[in-house]
Amino acid sequence: MGLKEKRIIQSFQKELFPALETEINTAAGFTVPLNISWNTLMEDRFSHLYNDTFPKIYFLPLIEAFKAICVDDMGVELLKAGLKEVVIVNENDEHNLDRAITFEDAVLKIDHSPIVNADNVDRRTARIISLLEDKLEEFAEGTPAAAETATSETENKQAATEEQENKVSIQELYNQSFVISNERQVIFAETVKGLDWNCDMLEGKLTYGTDKVFDIQVIGTYSENEKSWLWAWGNTQGGIPEKFLQTSLVVKAIGEAYKIEDMITPKKEFSSDPGAYFSTIASSMGQESCFVPLVFKGLTVYVTIKSEELDNKAITEPALMCSHFTESTVNYRFPHKYSLYFYLKGKGYDVELPGNNIVAKKGDDQILGIFDLKGKIMKISNSKITVQA
């Protein structure tokens, strides 16, 4: 650790840590033994982020977890009896939670990188809560009252935690899908620009010009007269062959898994057409090439296309990915950091979140996204990774 890092960590210890330590003890209801290896909590080039990442990675999850455990005197008693020490260290630059946060022999150990995945406070909190609920009773002594009731409460809390972790909103699915879907829409628009179209619903074919023929899946329809959306899988009177409903059924299955009402209700009223919103999710989650709104009198039918020709035009050059993302931020509103993460993951990159930034690597290509504290992109660039001989 260099002099600069030592000074930054020393400043954190003096200026920010005392208040965090007080919050930890207040949440626990007693003075928690903390064993912090400060000299290991460093990462070259990222020391300027410590004031932001240290609390998120090491201390805020402790505070929130202790609050959850110590909602009553029984919880305080069990925590005090079953928690001997909290060890905070960075031995392996770990960020996989199963390995980074452990609870053995009454010692809660947080062995986590000081900068990677800093914003995942809720996940680290849930991990600590789960460990404490599972093992506190095992390590505690002299708490018969807690022993009698802990099992059922633990099961209930675990179920609630798991349900919360597995819950994804429709807006999150849209934000995950938007950038990759937008890229595909641009490619499709350029491919069929200026061409007339014709659709044969019974054959499942959409033709542009004379020779561009695409296989389709039907997603749903929006009726301007009724102001309503009808999913294709719920259209029992439309006579759509089942083989053209498979992507809409994928959407339904996702909706059932995440309990998203808009995706499992066959027909629903909307004052404005939600078809592009739903089709963005459908085309991305269904691994389709793009979606197309087909406008008839008073009715818009949304279909997706699967085409090798279109897929082969997908952006693969890092510089073009950066350019596409930048253009998207100019023309549309969406959460930059969240959506870029899923865009790059969809492109096959290994993506990390050091501090408030994104670092994505694929082979020897690297993309760096720098964000402000609200997750808005400040800079995105690409480079080649230098390999030392």
Protein backbone atom coordinates (compact mmCIF):
# COMPACT_ATOMS: atom_id res chain seq x y z
CA MET A 1 0.00 0.00 0.00
CA GLY A 2 1.47 3.34 -1.05
CA LEU A 3 1.51 6.58 0.90
CA LYS A 4 -1.48 7.92 -1.04
CA GLU A 5 -3.64 4.89 -0.21
CA LYS A 6 -2.56 5.00 3.45
CA ARG A 7 -3.61 8.63 3.73
CA ILE A 8 -6.98 8.00 2.08
CA ILE A 9 -7.75 5.03 4.34
CA GLN A 10 -6.56 6.94 7.42
CA SER A 11 -8.83 9.82 6.47
CA PHE A 12 -11.75 7.40 6.12
CA GLN A 13 -11.03 5.91 9.55
CA LYS A 14 -11.01 9.33 11.19
CA GLU A 15 -13.81 11.10 9.33
CA LEU A 16 -16.39 8.52 8.22
CA PHE A 17 -15.86 5.29 10.12
CA PRO A 18 -16.78 6.51 13.65
CA ALA A 19 -20.32 7.37 12.58
CA LEU A 20 -20.67 4.03 10.77
CA GLU A 21 -19.40 2.14 13.81
CA THR A 22 -21.95 3.93 15.99
CA GLU A 23 -24.73 2.93 13.59
CA ILE A 24 -23.57 -0.70 13.65
CA ASN A 25 -23.61 -0.82 17.45
CA THR A 26 -26.96 0.96 17.61
CA ALA A 27 -28.52 -1.47 15.15
CA ALA A 28 -27.14 -4.47 17.07
CA GLY A 29 -28.05 -3.15 20.51
CA PHE A 30 -24.54 -3.80 21.86
CA THR A 31 -20.92 -3.05 21.04
CA VAL A 32 -20.02 -5.34 18.16
CA PRO A 33 -16.40 -6.61 18.14
CA LEU A 34 -14.98 -5.43 14.80
CA ASN A 35 -11.68 -6.76 13.49
CA ILE A 36 -10.84 -4.74 10.37
CA SER A 37 -7.65 -5.34 8.38
CA TRP A 38 -7.45 -1.85 6.92
CA ASN A 39 -4.13 -2.49 5.20
CA THR A 40 -5.77 -5.11 2.95
CA LEU A 41 -8.67 -2.92 1.87
CA MET A 42 -7.04 -1.36 -1.10
CA GLU A 43 -7.10 -1.68 -4.87
CA ASP A 44 -4.59 0.00 -7.16
CA ARG A 45 -6.03 2.89 -9.19
CA PHE A 46 -9.32 2.99 -7.30
CA SER A 47 -8.41 4.55 -3.96
CA HIS A 48 -10.37 7.70 -4.87
CA LEU A 49 -13.56 5.61 -4.65
CA TYR A 50 -13.11 4.34 -1.09
CA ASN A 51 -15.35 6.90 0.59
CA ASP A 52 -18.18 5.64 -1.59
CA THR A 53 -17.40 1.92 -1.79
CA PHE A 54 -16.22 1.11 1.76
CA PRO A 55 -19.60 1.95 3.35
CA LYS A 56 -21.58 0.16 0.63
CA ILE A 57 -19.48 -3.01 0.67
CA TYR A 58 -18.56 -3.46 4.32
CA PHE A 59 -20.65 -1.36 6.70
CA LEU A 60 -24.12 -0.51 5.36
CA PRO A 61 -24.98 -4.21 4.82
CA LEU A 62 -24.00 -4.89 8.45
CA ILE A 63 -26.18 -2.05 9.71
CA GLU A 64 -29.23 -3.12 7.73
CA ALA A 65 -28.77 -6.81 8.55
CA PHE A 66 -28.46 -6.10 12.28
CA LYS A 67 -31.58 -3.95 12.13
CA ALA A 68 -33.47 -6.85 10.55
CA ILE A 69 -32.25 -9.36 13.13
CA CYS A 70 -32.66 -7.10 16.17
CA VAL A 71 -36.29 -6.10 15.74
CA ASP A 72 -36.98 -7.26 19.32
CA ASP A 73 -35.14 -8.17 22.52
CA MET A 74 -34.96 -11.82 21.53
CA GLY A 75 -33.08 -10.92 18.35
CA VAL A 76 -30.63 -8.70 20.25
CA GLU A 77 -30.07 -11.46 22.80
CA LEU A 78 -29.47 -14.09 20.12
CA LEU A 79 -27.10 -11.87 18.12
CA LYS A 80 -25.11 -10.94 21.21
CA ALA A 81 -24.82 -14.57 22.27
CA GLY A 82 -24.10 -16.02 18.84
CA LEU A 83 -21.84 -13.41 17.23
CA LYS A 84 -18.33 -13.43 18.63
CA GLU A 85 -16.66 -11.14 16.09
CA VAL A 86 -17.00 -9.44 12.70
CA VAL A 87 -13.88 -9.73 10.55
CA ILE A 88 -13.50 -7.39 7.58
CA VAL A 89 -10.65 -8.13 5.22
CA ASN A 90 -9.70 -8.35 1.55
CA GLU A 91 -7.61 -11.45 1.06
CA ASN A 92 -8.77 -12.68 -2.35
CA ASP A 93 -10.44 -9.75 -4.17
CA GLU A 94 -13.60 -11.84 -3.92
CA HIS A 95 -17.07 -10.65 -4.94
CA ASN A 96 -19.00 -13.92 -5.21
CA LEU A 97 -21.21 -13.61 -2.12
CA ASP A 98 -21.13 -17.30 -1.20
CA ARG A 99 -17.38 -17.04 -0.79
CA ALA A 100 -17.05 -13.39 0.21
CA ILE A 101 -19.40 -13.46 3.22
CA THR A 102 -19.27 -16.42 5.64
CA PHE A 103 -20.34 -17.15 9.20
CA GLU A 104 -18.37 -19.90 10.91
CA ASP A 105 -17.60 -20.57 14.58
CA ALA A 106 -19.53 -17.43 15.58
CA VAL A 107 -17.30 -15.23 13.38
CA LEU A 108 -18.96 -13.25 10.57
CA LYS A 109 -16.30 -12.70 7.93
CA ILE A 110 -16.58 -10.25 5.05
CA ASP A 111 -13.71 -10.99 2.68
CA HIS A 112 -14.72 -8.83 -0.26
CA SER A 113 -13.07 -6.70 -2.91
CA PRO A 114 -13.19 -3.05 -1.82
CA ILE A 115 -14.56 -1.79 -5.13
CA VAL A 116 -16.30 -4.54 -7.18
CA ASN A 117 -20.13 -4.60 -7.18
CA ALA A 118 -20.27 -1.80 -4.63
CA ASP A 119 -23.88 -0.91 -5.42
CA ASN A 120 -25.18 -4.39 -4.53
CA VAL A 121 -25.85 -3.37 -0.92
CA ASP A 122 -29.20 -5.20 -0.79
CA ARG A 123 -27.69 -8.49 -1.93
CA ARG A 124 -24.93 -8.35 0.67
CA THR A 125 -27.49 -7.42 3.33
CA ALA A 126 -29.67 -10.39 2.36
CA ARG A 127 -26.63 -12.71 2.48
CA ILE A 128 -25.72 -11.59 6.01
CA ILE A 129 -29.32 -11.89 7.22
CA SER A 130 -29.60 -15.39 5.79
CA LEU A 131 -26.36 -16.53 7.43
CA LEU A 132 -27.23 -15.07 10.82
CA GLU A 133 -30.73 -16.53 10.79
CA ASP A 134 -29.39 -19.95 9.85
CA LYS A 135 -26.50 -20.17 12.32
CA LEU A 136 -26.90 -17.74 15.22
CA GLU A 137 -28.81 -20.27 17.29
CA GLU A 138 -26.10 -22.88 16.66
CA PHE A 139 -23.41 -20.60 18.08
CA ALA A 140 -25.49 -18.96 20.83
CA GLU A 141 -25.52 -20.16 24.43
CA GLY A 142 -28.18 -19.72 27.09
CA THR A 143 -31.02 -18.57 24.82
CA PRO A 144 -33.79 -21.18 25.21
CA ALA A 145 -36.56 -18.75 24.29
CA ALA A 146 -34.88 -18.00 21.01
CA ALA A 147 -34.32 -21.67 20.33
CA GLU A 148 -38.03 -22.40 20.60
CA THR A 149 -39.13 -19.86 18.00
CA ALA A 150 -36.16 -19.24 15.75
CA THR A 151 -36.83 -22.06 13.28
CA SER A 152 -40.24 -20.90 12.10
CA GLU A 153 -39.21 -17.25 11.98
CA THR A 154 -36.09 -18.13 10.03
CA GLU A 155 -38.10 -20.08 7.46
CA ASN A 156 -40.55 -17.20 7.03
CA LYS A 157 -37.81 -14.60 6.66
CA GLN A 158 -35.85 -16.78 4.25
CA ALA A 159 -38.92 -17.27 2.09
CA ALA A 160 -39.58 -13.53 2.08
CA THR A 161 -35.95 -12.77 1.25
CA GLU A 162 -35.87 -15.30 -1.58
CA GLU A 163 -39.14 -13.98 -3.01
CA GLN A 164 -37.83 -10.41 -2.91
CA GLU A 165 -34.53 -11.40 -4.57
CA ASN A 166 -36.40 -13.25 -7.33
CA LYS A 167 -38.84 -10.42 -7.97
CA VAL A 168 -38.25 -8.46 -11.17
CA SER A 169 -40.51 -5.68 -12.39
CA ILE A 170 -41.64 -5.25 -15.98
CA GLN A 171 -39.74 -1.95 -16.09
CA GLU A 172 -36.53 -3.76 -15.14
CA LEU A 173 -37.09 -6.26 -17.95
CA TYR A 174 -37.62 -3.36 -20.36
CA ASN A 175 -34.49 -1.57 -19.16
CA GLN A 176 -32.48 -4.79 -19.53
CA SER A 177 -33.79 -5.26 -23.07
CA PHE A 178 -33.85 -1.72 -24.42
CA VAL A 179 -30.35 -1.05 -25.80
CA ILE A 180 -29.91 -4.42 -27.54
CA SER A 181 -33.47 -4.23 -28.90
CA ASN A 182 -32.89 -0.69 -30.17
CA GLU A 183 -29.77 -1.85 -32.01
CA ARG A 184 -31.78 -4.57 -33.72
CA GLN A 185 -34.54 -2.13 -34.67
CA VAL A 186 -32.00 0.18 -36.31
CA ILE A 187 -30.52 -2.71 -38.32
CA PHE A 188 -33.97 -3.82 -39.47
CA ALA A 189 -35.03 -0.29 -40.48
CA GLU A 190 -31.89 0.11 -42.59
CA THR A 191 -32.42 -3.31 -44.21
CA VAL A 192 -35.99 -2.69 -45.41
CA LYS A 193 -35.81 1.08 -45.93
CA GLY A 194 -38.13 2.23 -48.72
CA LEU A 195 -39.66 -1.20 -49.34
CA ASP A 196 -43.38 -1.99 -49.25
CA TRP A 197 -44.55 -4.89 -47.10
CA ASN A 198 -47.09 -7.66 -47.22
CA CYS A 199 -47.98 -10.09 -44.44
CA ASP A 200 -49.52 -13.55 -44.67
CA MET A 201 -50.67 -14.38 -41.13
CA LEU A 202 -51.72 -17.92 -42.01
CA GLU A 203 -48.28 -18.74 -43.44
CA GLY A 204 -46.43 -16.64 -40.87
CA LYS A 205 -44.49 -14.72 -43.51
CA LEU A 206 -43.69 -11.01 -43.71
CA THR A 207 -42.37 -9.87 -47.10
CA TYR A 208 -40.59 -6.61 -47.95
CA GLY A 209 -40.14 -5.75 -51.60
CA THR A 210 -39.95 -8.87 -53.72
CA ASP A 211 -37.27 -10.97 -52.07
CA LYS A 212 -36.96 -10.18 -48.36
CA VAL A 213 -39.15 -12.79 -46.67
CA PHE A 214 -39.12 -13.16 -42.90
CA ASP A 215 -40.64 -15.74 -40.54
CA ILE A 216 -42.76 -14.11 -37.85
CA GLN A 217 -44.15 -14.72 -34.39
CA VAL A 218 -47.25 -12.81 -33.29
CA ILE A 219 -46.87 -10.95 -29.99
CA GLY A 220 -50.16 -9.13 -29.60
CA THR A 221 -52.50 -6.47 -30.92
CA TYR A 222 -53.56 -2.99 -29.87
CA SER A 223 -57.07 -1.81 -30.74
CA GLU A 224 -57.29 1.95 -31.12
CA ASN A 225 -61.09 1.79 -30.95
CA GLU A 226 -61.22 -0.25 -27.73
CA LYS A 227 -58.02 1.25 -26.27
CA SER A 228 -56.93 -2.25 -25.30
CA TRP A 229 -53.99 -4.60 -25.65
CA LEU A 230 -54.52 -8.32 -26.35
CA TRP A 231 -51.67 -10.81 -26.05
CA ALA A 232 -51.51 -13.25 -28.95
CA TRP A 233 -51.54 -16.24 -26.58
CA GLY A 234 -54.84 -14.93 -25.17
CA ASN A 235 -56.46 -14.30 -28.55
CA THR A 236 -58.80 -17.29 -28.64
CA GLN A 237 -60.86 -15.97 -31.57
CA GLY A 238 -58.08 -14.80 -33.87
CA GLY A 239 -57.34 -18.18 -35.39
CA ILE A 240 -53.57 -17.70 -35.07
CA PRO A 241 -51.77 -21.05 -35.59
CA GLU A 242 -50.08 -22.19 -32.38
CA LYS A 243 -46.65 -22.36 -34.03
CA PHE A 244 -46.75 -18.57 -34.41
CA LEU A 245 -47.52 -18.02 -30.70
CA GLN A 246 -44.32 -19.42 -29.22
CA THR A 247 -42.61 -16.10 -28.46
CA SER A 248 -45.74 -14.68 -26.86
CA LEU A 249 -45.90 -17.82 -24.71
CA VAL A 250 -42.29 -17.19 -23.65
CA VAL A 251 -43.37 -13.73 -22.49
CA LYS A 252 -46.27 -15.27 -20.58
CA ALA A 253 -43.95 -17.76 -18.87
CA ILE A 254 -41.60 -14.94 -17.82
CA GLY A 255 -44.58 -13.01 -16.48
CA GLU A 256 -45.72 -16.01 -14.47
CA ALA A 257 -42.23 -16.58 -13.06
CA TYR A 258 -41.93 -12.96 -11.89
CA LYS A 259 -45.65 -12.45 -11.14
CA ILE A 260 -45.97 -9.53 -13.58
CA GLU A 261 -49.65 -8.81 -14.06
CA ASP A 262 -49.32 -6.99 -17.39
CA MET A 263 -47.66 -10.06 -18.93
CA ILE A 264 -50.13 -12.67 -17.69
CA THR A 265 -53.42 -10.78 -18.21
CA PRO A 266 -54.76 -11.76 -21.68
CA LYS A 267 -56.48 -8.43 -22.38
CA LYS A 268 -56.03 -5.08 -20.69
CA GLU A 269 -57.06 -1.49 -21.33
CA PHE A 270 -54.36 1.11 -22.12
CA SER A 271 -55.03 4.71 -23.12
CA SER A 272 -51.99 4.60 -25.41
CA ASP A 273 -50.42 1.77 -27.39
CA PRO A 274 -48.00 -0.30 -25.20
CA GLY A 275 -47.05 -2.58 -28.09
CA ALA A 276 -43.52 -1.26 -28.64
CA TYR A 277 -42.85 -1.47 -24.89
CA PHE A 278 -44.02 -5.09 -24.66
CA SER A 279 -42.37 -6.07 -27.95
CA THR A 280 -39.01 -4.68 -26.80
CA ILE A 281 -39.12 -7.18 -23.94
CA ALA A 282 -40.51 -9.98 -26.11
CA SER A 283 -37.94 -9.65 -28.89
CA SER A 284 -35.04 -9.51 -26.46
CA MET A 285 -36.16 -12.24 -24.07
CA GLY A 286 -37.28 -14.44 -26.96
CA GLN A 287 -33.93 -14.02 -28.78
CA GLU A 288 -35.69 -12.61 -31.84
CA SER A 289 -34.01 -10.41 -34.46
CA CYS A 290 -36.43 -7.48 -34.06
CA PHE A 291 -40.11 -6.58 -33.78
CA VAL A 292 -42.40 -4.92 -36.33
CA PRO A 293 -45.70 -3.05 -35.82
CA LEU A 294 -48.07 -3.81 -38.69
CA VAL A 295 -50.71 -1.12 -38.90
CA PHE A 296 -54.16 -1.98 -40.21
CA LYS A 297 -57.34 0.09 -39.94
CA GLY A 298 -57.87 0.69 -36.21
CA LEU A 299 -55.59 -2.21 -35.25
CA THR A 300 -51.83 -2.59 -34.84
CA VAL A 301 -50.45 -6.11 -34.89
CA TYR A 302 -47.02 -6.57 -33.31
CA VAL A 303 -44.86 -9.38 -34.65
CA THR A 304 -41.27 -10.44 -34.13
CA ILE A 305 -38.86 -11.62 -36.81
CA LYS A 306 -36.13 -14.22 -36.65
CA SER A 307 -33.64 -13.75 -39.47
CA GLU A 308 -30.08 -14.95 -39.99
CA GLU A 309 -29.53 -12.04 -42.37
CA LEU A 310 -30.40 -9.52 -39.67
CA ASP A 311 -28.51 -11.37 -36.92
CA ASN A 312 -25.35 -11.34 -39.04
CA LYS A 313 -25.51 -7.53 -39.10
CA ALA A 314 -25.38 -7.25 -35.30
CA ILE A 315 -22.72 -4.88 -33.97
CA THR A 316 -19.58 -6.69 -32.85
CA GLU A 317 -16.95 -3.93 -32.94
CA PRO A 318 -16.46 -2.36 -29.49
CA ALA A 319 -16.15 1.14 -30.95
CA LEU A 320 -19.49 0.77 -32.72
CA MET A 321 -21.10 -0.54 -29.54
CA CYS A 322 -19.92 2.56 -27.72
CA SER A 323 -21.22 4.74 -30.54
CA HIS A 324 -24.61 3.01 -30.56
CA PHE A 325 -24.96 3.35 -26.81
CA THR A 326 -24.04 7.04 -26.92
CA GLU A 327 -26.60 7.70 -29.66
CA SER A 328 -29.24 5.85 -27.65
CA THR A 329 -28.63 8.05 -24.62
CA VAL A 330 -29.13 11.14 -26.78
CA ASN A 331 -32.40 9.96 -28.33
CA TYR A 332 -34.05 8.02 -25.50
CA ARG A 333 -34.47 8.09 -21.74
CA PHE A 334 -33.40 4.98 -19.82
CA PRO A 335 -31.12 4.15 -16.84
CA HIS A 336 -27.69 4.33 -18.43
CA LYS A 337 -25.63 2.21 -16.09
CA TYR A 338 -28.21 -0.54 -15.60
CA SER A 339 -28.97 -0.85 -19.31
CA LEU A 340 -25.31 -0.76 -20.40
CA TYR A 341 -24.56 -3.60 -18.01
CA PHE A 342 -27.13 -5.86 -19.69
CA TYR A 343 -26.25 -4.67 -23.20
CA LEU A 344 -22.63 -5.72 -22.74
CA LYS A 345 -23.59 -8.97 -21.00
CA GLY A 346 -25.81 -9.73 -23.99
CA LYS A 347 -22.81 -9.16 -26.25
CA GLY A 348 -20.84 -11.83 -24.39
CA TYR A 349 -18.65 -9.53 -22.29
CA ASP A 350 -17.52 -10.26 -18.74
CA VAL A 351 -18.81 -7.21 -16.90
CA GLU A 352 -17.61 -5.86 -13.55
CA LEU A 353 -18.78 -2.87 -11.54
CA PRO A 354 -15.77 -1.28 -9.86
CA GLY A 355 -17.08 1.59 -7.77
CA ASN A 356 -19.56 3.56 -9.81
CA ASN A 357 -18.18 2.45 -13.18
CA ILE A 358 -18.42 -0.47 -15.62
CA VAL A 359 -15.48 -2.45 -16.96
CA ALA A 360 -16.34 -5.05 -19.62
CA LYS A 361 -13.86 -7.48 -21.18
CA LYS A 362 -14.10 -9.93 -24.07
CA GLY A 363 -10.91 -11.46 -25.36
CA ASP A 364 -8.45 -8.59 -25.55
CA ASP A 365 -11.18 -5.97 -26.02
CA GLN A 366 -12.20 -3.75 -23.12
CA ILE A 367 -15.01 -1.23 -22.74
CA LEU A 368 -15.04 1.30 -19.92
CA GLY A 369 -18.12 3.22 -18.82
CA ILE A 370 -17.76 6.08 -16.36
CA PHE A 371 -20.89 7.33 -14.59
CA ASP A 372 -21.90 10.07 -12.21
CA LEU A 373 -23.43 9.26 -8.83
CA LYS A 374 -26.91 9.05 -10.39
CA GLY A 375 -25.80 6.43 -12.91
CA LYS A 376 -25.75 8.80 -15.89
CA ILE A 377 -23.04 8.09 -18.44
CA MET A 378 -20.18 10.57 -18.43
CA LYS A 379 -17.83 8.73 -20.76
CA ILE A 380 -17.70 5.43 -22.63
CA SER A 381 -14.63 4.21 -24.46
CA ASN A 382 -12.98 1.06 -25.75
CA SER A 383 -9.39 -0.14 -25.81
CA LYS A 384 -7.23 -3.23 -26.18
CA ILE A 385 -6.00 -5.01 -23.07
CA THR A 386 -2.22 -4.96 -22.84
CA VAL A 387 -0.83 -8.36 -21.97
CA GLN A 388 2.55 -8.40 -20.23
CA ALA A 389 4.99 -10.96 -21.61
